[in-house]
Amino acid sequence: MSSTPSAAAASARAGEPEGSESPAVASGHPGIDELFALLAYGEVAAFYRLTEEAKMAPNLNGRINMAAMAAAEMNHYEVLRDALARRGIDIVPAMTKYASALENYHRLTTPSTWLEALVKTYVGDALAADFYLEIADALPAEAADVVRLVLSETGHSQFVVAEVRAAVTASDRQRHRLALWSRRLLGEAITQAQFVLADHDELVDLVMAGGGLSHMTDFFDRLQKTHASRMQELGLA
């Protein structure tokens, strides 16, 4: 999962006082182990995806930027590995249980062009980041810091924005095509997130820590709102 911008996610939560309440989840909650494991597999999967998609780049600059993002993913994996080790968890068996859902998402959203790869890097992975950052708000400080660190901005997002905006400004056909692609990424991301939650009650506990069923509904509504903001950033709205 690439560390794409979370500004839209932050604005969706604007007005909520930081640090004004105790964390809703205890530090020993098993859902934290599951969350770290899910994140870890996402980082590994993203590393392989980005290195593969770098081959689609039309020039050396694109390949270098993709490679740098891939390197950041493995750095984040190591942060999660160490965090799980401190909690007495072996990362490989812990994260393997999430392989099916994440690999299915990537299989269903395999880009066919360089521009589709860029949009997926920016929009698709940012949706995942929104999902995890929402959960982080309910976590104890140490666990929340780990989540926010591995989802931190890597500095490569502006490269993606510049390339996509230039392409869609020059071609209405590309803009319509990539807008449809972006909506497909949204649908698949939400579907896979729901599958993961359906199979892991510990993660549901984290999502619902801030409230009941209405909180869960609001949770997915916010994902769609931040997605709309990113489409505007890319010139796809």
C-alpha atoms as a PDB file:
ATOM      1  CA  MET A   1       0.000   0.000   0.000  1.00  0.00           C
ATOM      2  CA  SER A   2       1.579   3.222  -1.060  1.00  0.00           C
ATOM      3  CA  SER A   3       1.788   6.049   1.374  1.00  0.00           C
ATOM      4  CA  THR A   4      -0.310   8.520  -0.511  1.00  0.00           C
ATOM      5  CA  PRO A   5      -1.669  11.819   0.829  1.00  0.00           C
ATOM      6  CA  SER A   6      -4.080  11.758   3.736  1.00  0.00           C
ATOM      7  CA  ALA A   7      -5.055  15.432   3.574  1.00  0.00           C
ATOM      8  CA  ALA A   8      -8.532  14.559   2.365  1.00  0.00           C
ATOM      9  CA  ALA A   9      -8.940  12.115   5.204  1.00  0.00           C
ATOM     10  CA  ALA A  10      -7.786  14.724   7.658  1.00  0.00           C
ATOM     11  CA  SER A  11     -10.241  17.292   6.332  1.00  0.00           C
ATOM     12  CA  ALA A  12     -13.057  14.775   6.661  1.00  0.00           C
ATOM     13  CA  ARG A  13     -12.293  14.622  10.354  1.00  0.00           C
ATOM     14  CA  ALA A  14     -11.727  18.358  10.723  1.00  0.00           C
ATOM     15  CA  GLY A  15     -13.129  19.830  13.852  1.00  0.00           C
ATOM     16  CA  GLU A  16     -12.536  16.739  15.959  1.00  0.00           C
ATOM     17  CA  PRO A  17     -10.346  17.666  18.939  1.00  0.00           C
ATOM     18  CA  GLU A  18      -7.042  15.794  19.005  1.00  0.00           C
ATOM     19  CA  GLY A  19      -6.056  14.035  22.172  1.00  0.00           C
ATOM     20  CA  SER A  20      -9.233  15.113  23.956  1.00  0.00           C
ATOM     21  CA  GLU A  21     -10.360  11.581  24.786  1.00  0.00           C
ATOM     22  CA  SER A  22      -8.770   8.381  25.973  1.00  0.00           C
ATOM     23  CA  PRO A  23      -8.216   5.747  23.288  1.00  0.00           C
ATOM     24  CA  ALA A  24     -11.258   3.559  22.722  1.00  0.00           C
ATOM     25  CA  VAL A  25      -9.123   0.426  22.327  1.00  0.00           C
ATOM     26  CA  ALA A  26      -6.834  -1.067  24.985  1.00  0.00           C
ATOM     27  CA  SER A  27      -3.167  -1.591  24.098  1.00  0.00           C
ATOM     28  CA  GLY A  28      -3.524  -5.364  24.419  1.00  0.00           C
ATOM     29  CA  HIS A  29      -6.513  -5.649  22.080  1.00  0.00           C
ATOM     30  CA  PRO A  30      -5.898  -8.476  19.561  1.00  0.00           C
ATOM     31  CA  GLY A  31      -7.281  -6.277  16.819  1.00  0.00           C
ATOM     32  CA  ILE A  32      -4.071  -4.234  16.938  1.00  0.00           C
ATOM     33  CA  ASP A  33      -2.044  -7.335  16.068  1.00  0.00           C
ATOM     34  CA  GLU A  34      -4.433  -8.051  13.207  1.00  0.00           C
ATOM     35  CA  LEU A  35      -4.260  -4.473  11.949  1.00  0.00           C
ATOM     36  CA  PHE A  36      -0.453  -4.481  11.932  1.00  0.00           C
ATOM     37  CA  ALA A  37      -0.440  -7.821  10.107  1.00  0.00           C
ATOM     38  CA  LEU A  38      -2.905  -6.562   7.498  1.00  0.00           C
ATOM     39  CA  LEU A  39      -0.861  -3.429   6.970  1.00  0.00           C
ATOM     40  CA  ALA A  40       2.332  -5.466   6.690  1.00  0.00           C
ATOM     41  CA  TYR A  41       0.989  -7.681   3.918  1.00  0.00           C
ATOM     42  CA  GLY A  42      -0.280  -4.579   2.159  1.00  0.00           C
ATOM     43  CA  GLU A  43       3.224  -3.114   2.203  1.00  0.00           C
ATOM     44  CA  VAL A  44       4.804  -6.284   0.795  1.00  0.00           C
ATOM     45  CA  ALA A  45       2.134  -6.594  -1.915  1.00  0.00           C
ATOM     46  CA  ALA A  46       2.610  -2.933  -2.842  1.00  0.00           C
ATOM     47  CA  PHE A  47       6.369  -3.372  -3.121  1.00  0.00           C
ATOM     48  CA  TYR A  48       6.005  -6.128  -5.701  1.00  0.00           C
ATOM     49  CA  ARG A  49       3.219  -4.301  -7.516  1.00  0.00           C
ATOM     50  CA  LEU A  50       5.184  -1.060  -7.810  1.00  0.00           C
ATOM     51  CA  THR A  51       8.371  -2.755  -9.004  1.00  0.00           C
ATOM     52  CA  GLU A  52       6.347  -4.560 -11.659  1.00  0.00           C
ATOM     53  CA  GLU A  53       4.436  -1.454 -12.740  1.00  0.00           C
ATOM     54  CA  ALA A  54       7.657   0.563 -12.947  1.00  0.00           C
ATOM     55  CA  LYS A  55       8.330  -1.385 -16.161  1.00  0.00           C
ATOM     56  CA  MET A  56       5.349   0.400 -17.719  1.00  0.00           C
ATOM     57  CA  ALA A  57       6.907   3.832 -17.232  1.00  0.00           C
ATOM     58  CA  PRO A  58       7.620   5.697 -20.483  1.00  0.00           C
ATOM     59  CA  ASN A  59      10.878   7.149 -19.192  1.00  0.00           C
ATOM     60  CA  LEU A  60      13.605   6.799 -16.580  1.00  0.00           C
ATOM     61  CA  ASN A  61      12.075   9.456 -14.335  1.00  0.00           C
ATOM     62  CA  GLY A  62       8.900   7.413 -13.986  1.00  0.00           C
ATOM     63  CA  ARG A  63      10.809   4.223 -13.236  1.00  0.00           C
ATOM     64  CA  ILE A  64      12.897   5.972 -10.593  1.00  0.00           C
ATOM     65  CA  ASN A  65       9.835   7.422  -8.866  1.00  0.00           C
ATOM     66  CA  MET A  66       8.081   4.048  -8.797  1.00  0.00           C
ATOM     67  CA  ALA A  67      11.229   2.374  -7.481  1.00  0.00           C
ATOM     68  CA  ALA A  68      11.532   4.965  -4.714  1.00  0.00           C
ATOM     69  CA  MET A  69       7.925   4.351  -3.680  1.00  0.00           C
ATOM     70  CA  ALA A  70       8.566   0.598  -3.665  1.00  0.00           C
ATOM     71  CA  ALA A  71      11.590   1.085  -1.406  1.00  0.00           C
ATOM     72  CA  ALA A  72       9.449   3.099   1.010  1.00  0.00           C
ATOM     73  CA  GLU A  73       6.973   0.222   1.198  1.00  0.00           C
ATOM     74  CA  MET A  74       9.655  -2.185   2.431  1.00  0.00           C
ATOM     75  CA  ASN A  75      10.843   0.353   4.995  1.00  0.00           C
ATOM     76  CA  HIS A  76       7.293   0.509   6.312  1.00  0.00           C
ATOM     77  CA  TYR A  77       7.084  -3.280   6.362  1.00  0.00           C
ATOM     78  CA  GLU A  78      10.137  -3.342   8.635  1.00  0.00           C
ATOM     79  CA  VAL A  79       8.488  -0.871  11.022  1.00  0.00           C
ATOM     80  CA  LEU A  80       5.460  -3.177  11.264  1.00  0.00           C
ATOM     81  CA  ARG A  81       7.623  -6.285  11.630  1.00  0.00           C
ATOM     82  CA  ASP A  82       9.408  -4.685  14.588  1.00  0.00           C
ATOM     83  CA  ALA A  83       6.145  -3.477  16.122  1.00  0.00           C
ATOM     84  CA  LEU A  84       4.665  -6.981  15.963  1.00  0.00           C
ATOM     85  CA  ALA A  85       7.864  -8.492  17.356  1.00  0.00           C
ATOM     86  CA  ARG A  86       7.559  -6.202  20.383  1.00  0.00           C
ATOM     87  CA  ARG A  87       4.063  -7.628  20.857  1.00  0.00           C
ATOM     88  CA  GLY A  88       5.391 -11.197  20.620  1.00  0.00           C
ATOM     89  CA  ILE A  89       3.940 -11.875  17.158  1.00  0.00           C
ATOM     90  CA  ASP A  90       5.730 -13.591  14.247  1.00  0.00           C
ATOM     91  CA  ILE A  91       4.866 -11.425  11.265  1.00  0.00           C
ATOM     92  CA  VAL A  92       4.884 -14.002   8.451  1.00  0.00           C
ATOM     93  CA  PRO A  93       2.140 -16.340   9.714  1.00  0.00           C
ATOM     94  CA  ALA A  94       0.219 -13.353  11.075  1.00  0.00           C
ATOM     95  CA  MET A  95       0.031 -11.538   7.757  1.00  0.00           C
ATOM     96  CA  THR A  96      -0.412 -14.569   5.504  1.00  0.00           C
ATOM     97  CA  LYS A  97      -4.099 -14.852   6.416  1.00  0.00           C
ATOM     98  CA  TYR A  98      -4.712 -11.550   4.599  1.00  0.00           C
ATOM     99  CA  ALA A  99      -3.033 -12.602   1.368  1.00  0.00           C
ATOM    100  CA  SER A 100      -6.202 -13.754  -0.376  1.00  0.00           C
ATOM    101  CA  ALA A 101      -8.207 -10.535   0.050  1.00  0.00           C
ATOM    102  CA  LEU A 102      -5.377  -8.191  -0.882  1.00  0.00           C
ATOM    103  CA  GLU A 103      -4.172 -10.251  -3.818  1.00  0.00           C
ATOM    104  CA  ASN A 104      -7.747 -10.453  -5.064  1.00  0.00           C
ATOM    105  CA  TYR A 105      -8.029  -6.659  -4.959  1.00  0.00           C
ATOM    106  CA  HIS A 106      -4.819  -6.281  -6.962  1.00  0.00           C
ATOM    107  CA  ARG A 107      -5.904  -8.969  -9.429  1.00  0.00           C
ATOM    108  CA  LEU A 108      -9.190  -7.156 -10.060  1.00  0.00           C
ATOM    109  CA  THR A 109      -7.481  -3.774 -10.439  1.00  0.00           C
ATOM    110  CA  THR A 110      -4.459  -4.638 -12.564  1.00  0.00           C
ATOM    111  CA  PRO A 111      -3.657  -1.515 -14.598  1.00  0.00           C
ATOM    112  CA  SER A 112      -3.301  -1.850 -18.354  1.00  0.00           C
ATOM    113  CA  THR A 113      -1.513   1.464 -18.941  1.00  0.00           C
ATOM    114  CA  TRP A 114       1.036   3.653 -17.205  1.00  0.00           C
ATOM    115  CA  LEU A 115      -1.609   6.273 -16.402  1.00  0.00           C
ATOM    116  CA  GLU A 116      -3.885   3.649 -14.847  1.00  0.00           C
ATOM    117  CA  ALA A 117      -0.936   2.514 -12.725  1.00  0.00           C
ATOM    118  CA  LEU A 118      -0.383   6.088 -11.528  1.00  0.00           C
ATOM    119  CA  VAL A 119      -4.055   6.597 -10.677  1.00  0.00           C
ATOM    120  CA  LYS A 120      -4.101   3.348  -8.746  1.00  0.00           C
ATOM    121  CA  THR A 121      -0.988   4.378  -6.831  1.00  0.00           C
ATOM    122  CA  TYR A 122      -2.547   7.703  -5.884  1.00  0.00           C
ATOM    123  CA  VAL A 123      -6.251   6.945  -5.485  1.00  0.00           C
ATOM    124  CA  GLY A 124      -6.527   3.244  -4.802  1.00  0.00           C
ATOM    125  CA  ASP A 125      -3.823   3.069  -2.191  1.00  0.00           C
ATOM    126  CA  ALA A 126      -5.009   6.302  -0.583  1.00  0.00           C
ATOM    127  CA  LEU A 127      -8.398   4.691   0.007  1.00  0.00           C
ATOM    128  CA  ALA A 128      -6.646   1.963   1.958  1.00  0.00           C
ATOM    129  CA  ALA A 129      -4.749   4.618   3.893  1.00  0.00           C
ATOM    130  CA  ASP A 130      -8.030   6.346   4.781  1.00  0.00           C
ATOM    131  CA  PHE A 131      -9.378   3.027   6.059  1.00  0.00           C
ATOM    132  CA  TYR A 132      -6.405   2.503   8.369  1.00  0.00           C
ATOM    133  CA  LEU A 133      -6.144   6.111   9.527  1.00  0.00           C
ATOM    134  CA  GLU A 134      -9.793   6.097  10.591  1.00  0.00           C
ATOM    135  CA  ILE A 135      -9.041   3.064  12.750  1.00  0.00           C
ATOM    136  CA  ALA A 136      -5.902   4.717  14.151  1.00  0.00           C
ATOM    137  CA  ASP A 137      -8.025   7.388  15.820  1.00  0.00           C
ATOM    138  CA  ALA A 138      -9.341   4.783  18.290  1.00  0.00           C
ATOM    139  CA  LEU A 139      -5.953   3.234  19.098  1.00  0.00           C
ATOM    140  CA  PRO A 140      -3.631   3.851  22.044  1.00  0.00           C
ATOM    141  CA  ALA A 141      -0.859   6.329  21.232  1.00  0.00           C
ATOM    142  CA  GLU A 142       1.948   3.839  20.604  1.00  0.00           C
ATOM    143  CA  ALA A 143      -0.101   1.751  18.164  1.00  0.00           C
ATOM    144  CA  ALA A 144      -1.563   4.837  16.472  1.00  0.00           C
ATOM    145  CA  ASP A 145       1.938   6.231  15.955  1.00  0.00           C
ATOM    146  CA  VAL A 146       2.989   3.041  14.157  1.00  0.00           C
ATOM    147  CA  VAL A 147      -0.022   3.198  11.827  1.00  0.00           C
ATOM    148  CA  ARG A 148       0.512   6.873  11.027  1.00  0.00           C
ATOM    149  CA  LEU A 149       4.230   6.372  10.449  1.00  0.00           C
ATOM    150  CA  VAL A 150       3.740   3.640   7.850  1.00  0.00           C
ATOM    151  CA  LEU A 151       1.074   5.716   6.103  1.00  0.00           C
ATOM    152  CA  SER A 152       3.085   8.916   6.128  1.00  0.00           C
ATOM    153  CA  GLU A 153       3.597  10.954   2.977  1.00  0.00           C
ATOM    154  CA  THR A 154       6.619   9.816   0.979  1.00  0.00           C
ATOM    155  CA  GLY A 155       6.891  12.933  -1.166  1.00  0.00           C
ATOM    156  CA  HIS A 156       6.185  11.189  -4.475  1.00  0.00           C
ATOM    157  CA  SER A 157       2.499  12.020  -4.770  1.00  0.00           C
ATOM    158  CA  GLN A 158       3.080  15.292  -6.606  1.00  0.00           C
ATOM    159  CA  PHE A 159       4.892  13.390  -9.344  1.00  0.00           C
ATOM    160  CA  VAL A 160       1.714  11.323  -9.853  1.00  0.00           C
ATOM    161  CA  VAL A 161      -0.580  14.360  -9.763  1.00  0.00           C
ATOM    162  CA  ALA A 162       1.534  16.268 -12.288  1.00  0.00           C
ATOM    163  CA  GLU A 163       1.668  13.370 -14.780  1.00  0.00           C
ATOM    164  CA  VAL A 164      -2.037  12.547 -14.582  1.00  0.00           C
ATOM    165  CA  ARG A 165      -3.244  16.156 -14.703  1.00  0.00           C
ATOM    166  CA  ALA A 166      -1.080  16.850 -17.734  1.00  0.00           C
ATOM    167  CA  ALA A 167      -2.476  13.792 -19.529  1.00  0.00           C
ATOM    168  CA  VAL A 168      -6.144  14.503 -18.786  1.00  0.00           C
ATOM    169  CA  THR A 169      -5.783  18.191 -19.611  1.00  0.00           C
ATOM    170  CA  ALA A 170      -4.499  17.209 -23.029  1.00  0.00           C
ATOM    171  CA  SER A 171      -7.125  14.546 -23.690  1.00  0.00           C
ATOM    172  CA  ASP A 172     -10.798  14.369 -22.755  1.00  0.00           C
ATOM    173  CA  ARG A 173     -10.747  10.718 -23.756  1.00  0.00           C
ATOM    174  CA  GLN A 174      -8.064   9.995 -21.159  1.00  0.00           C
ATOM    175  CA  ARG A 175      -9.968  11.979 -18.533  1.00  0.00           C
ATOM    176  CA  HIS A 176     -13.171   9.988 -19.039  1.00  0.00           C
ATOM    177  CA  ARG A 177     -11.289   6.697 -19.164  1.00  0.00           C
ATOM    178  CA  LEU A 178      -9.333   7.395 -15.994  1.00  0.00           C
ATOM    179  CA  ALA A 179     -12.420   8.709 -14.186  1.00  0.00           C
ATOM    180  CA  LEU A 180     -14.134   5.370 -14.822  1.00  0.00           C
ATOM    181  CA  TRP A 181     -10.998   3.561 -13.670  1.00  0.00           C
ATOM    182  CA  SER A 182     -10.940   5.618 -10.477  1.00  0.00           C
ATOM    183  CA  ARG A 183     -14.547   4.732  -9.696  1.00  0.00           C
ATOM    184  CA  ARG A 184     -13.748   1.063 -10.259  1.00  0.00           C
ATOM    185  CA  LEU A 185     -10.883   1.337  -7.760  1.00  0.00           C
ATOM    186  CA  LEU A 186     -13.288   2.813  -5.209  1.00  0.00           C
ATOM    187  CA  GLY A 187     -15.803   0.017  -5.639  1.00  0.00           C
ATOM    188  CA  GLU A 188     -13.230  -2.765  -5.403  1.00  0.00           C
ATOM    189  CA  ALA A 189     -11.512  -1.171  -2.396  1.00  0.00           C
ATOM    190  CA  ILE A 190     -14.761  -0.943  -0.433  1.00  0.00           C
ATOM    191  CA  THR A 191     -15.778  -4.468  -1.420  1.00  0.00           C
ATOM    192  CA  GLN A 192     -12.478  -5.970  -0.302  1.00  0.00           C
ATOM    193  CA  ALA A 193     -12.520  -3.953   2.926  1.00  0.00           C
ATOM    194  CA  GLN A 194     -15.954  -5.367   3.703  1.00  0.00           C
ATOM    195  CA  PHE A 195     -14.717  -8.911   2.989  1.00  0.00           C
ATOM    196  CA  VAL A 196     -11.775  -8.441   5.351  1.00  0.00           C
ATOM    197  CA  LEU A 197     -13.990  -7.077   8.110  1.00  0.00           C
ATOM    198  CA  ALA A 198     -16.506  -9.897   7.657  1.00  0.00           C
ATOM    199  CA  ASP A 199     -13.758 -12.445   8.320  1.00  0.00           C
ATOM    200  CA  HIS A 200     -12.039 -10.705  11.237  1.00  0.00           C
ATOM    201  CA  ASP A 201     -14.132  -9.644  14.213  1.00  0.00           C
ATOM    202  CA  GLU A 202     -11.088  -8.124  15.928  1.00  0.00           C
ATOM    203  CA  LEU A 203     -10.821  -5.553  13.136  1.00  0.00           C
ATOM    204  CA  VAL A 204     -14.546  -4.829  13.298  1.00  0.00           C
ATOM    205  CA  ASP A 205     -14.058  -3.989  16.977  1.00  0.00           C
ATOM    206  CA  LEU A 206     -11.482  -1.368  15.996  1.00  0.00           C
ATOM    207  CA  VAL A 207     -13.683   0.170  13.302  1.00  0.00           C
ATOM    208  CA  MET A 208     -16.692   0.336  15.613  1.00  0.00           C
ATOM    209  CA  ALA A 209     -14.758   1.597  18.633  1.00  0.00           C
ATOM    210  CA  GLY A 210     -16.065   5.089  18.010  1.00  0.00           C
ATOM    211  CA  GLY A 211     -19.745   4.080  17.863  1.00  0.00           C
ATOM    212  CA  GLY A 212     -22.308   1.537  16.723  1.00  0.00           C
ATOM    213  CA  LEU A 213     -23.625   0.537  13.325  1.00  0.00           C
ATOM    214  CA  SER A 214     -24.145   4.152  12.286  1.00  0.00           C
ATOM    215  CA  HIS A 215     -20.433   4.696  12.828  1.00  0.00           C
ATOM    216  CA  MET A 216     -19.678   1.890  10.384  1.00  0.00           C
ATOM    217  CA  THR A 217     -21.966   3.471   7.783  1.00  0.00           C
ATOM    218  CA  ASP A 218     -20.352   6.885   8.296  1.00  0.00           C
ATOM    219  CA  PHE A 219     -16.966   5.216   7.995  1.00  0.00           C
ATOM    220  CA  PHE A 220     -17.621   4.070   4.431  1.00  0.00           C
ATOM    221  CA  ASP A 221     -19.343   7.339   3.538  1.00  0.00           C
ATOM    222  CA  ARG A 222     -16.167   9.211   4.479  1.00  0.00           C
ATOM    223  CA  LEU A 223     -14.093   6.928   2.253  1.00  0.00           C
ATOM    224  CA  GLN A 224     -16.265   7.954  -0.687  1.00  0.00           C
ATOM    225  CA  LYS A 225     -15.979  11.669   0.154  1.00  0.00           C
ATOM    226  CA  THR A 226     -12.189  11.593   0.357  1.00  0.00           C
ATOM    227  CA  HIS A 227     -12.110   9.658  -2.896  1.00  0.00           C
ATOM    228  CA  ALA A 228     -14.075  12.452  -4.560  1.00  0.00           C
ATOM    229  CA  SER A 229     -11.521  14.967  -3.281  1.00  0.00           C
ATOM    230  CA  ARG A 230      -8.672  13.011  -4.830  1.00  0.00           C
ATOM    231  CA  MET A 231     -10.458  12.775  -8.161  1.00  0.00           C
ATOM    232  CA  GLN A 232     -10.576  16.566  -8.167  1.00  0.00           C
ATOM    233  CA  GLU A 233      -6.863  16.753  -7.347  1.00  0.00           C
ATOM    234  CA  LEU A 234      -6.128  14.574 -10.374  1.00  0.00           C
ATOM    235  CA  GLY A 235      -8.467  16.525 -12.664  1.00  0.00           C
ATOM    236  CA  LEU A 236     -10.873  13.602 -12.984  1.00  0.00           C
ATOM    237  CA  ALA A 237     -13.952  15.103 -11.342  1.00  0.00           C
END
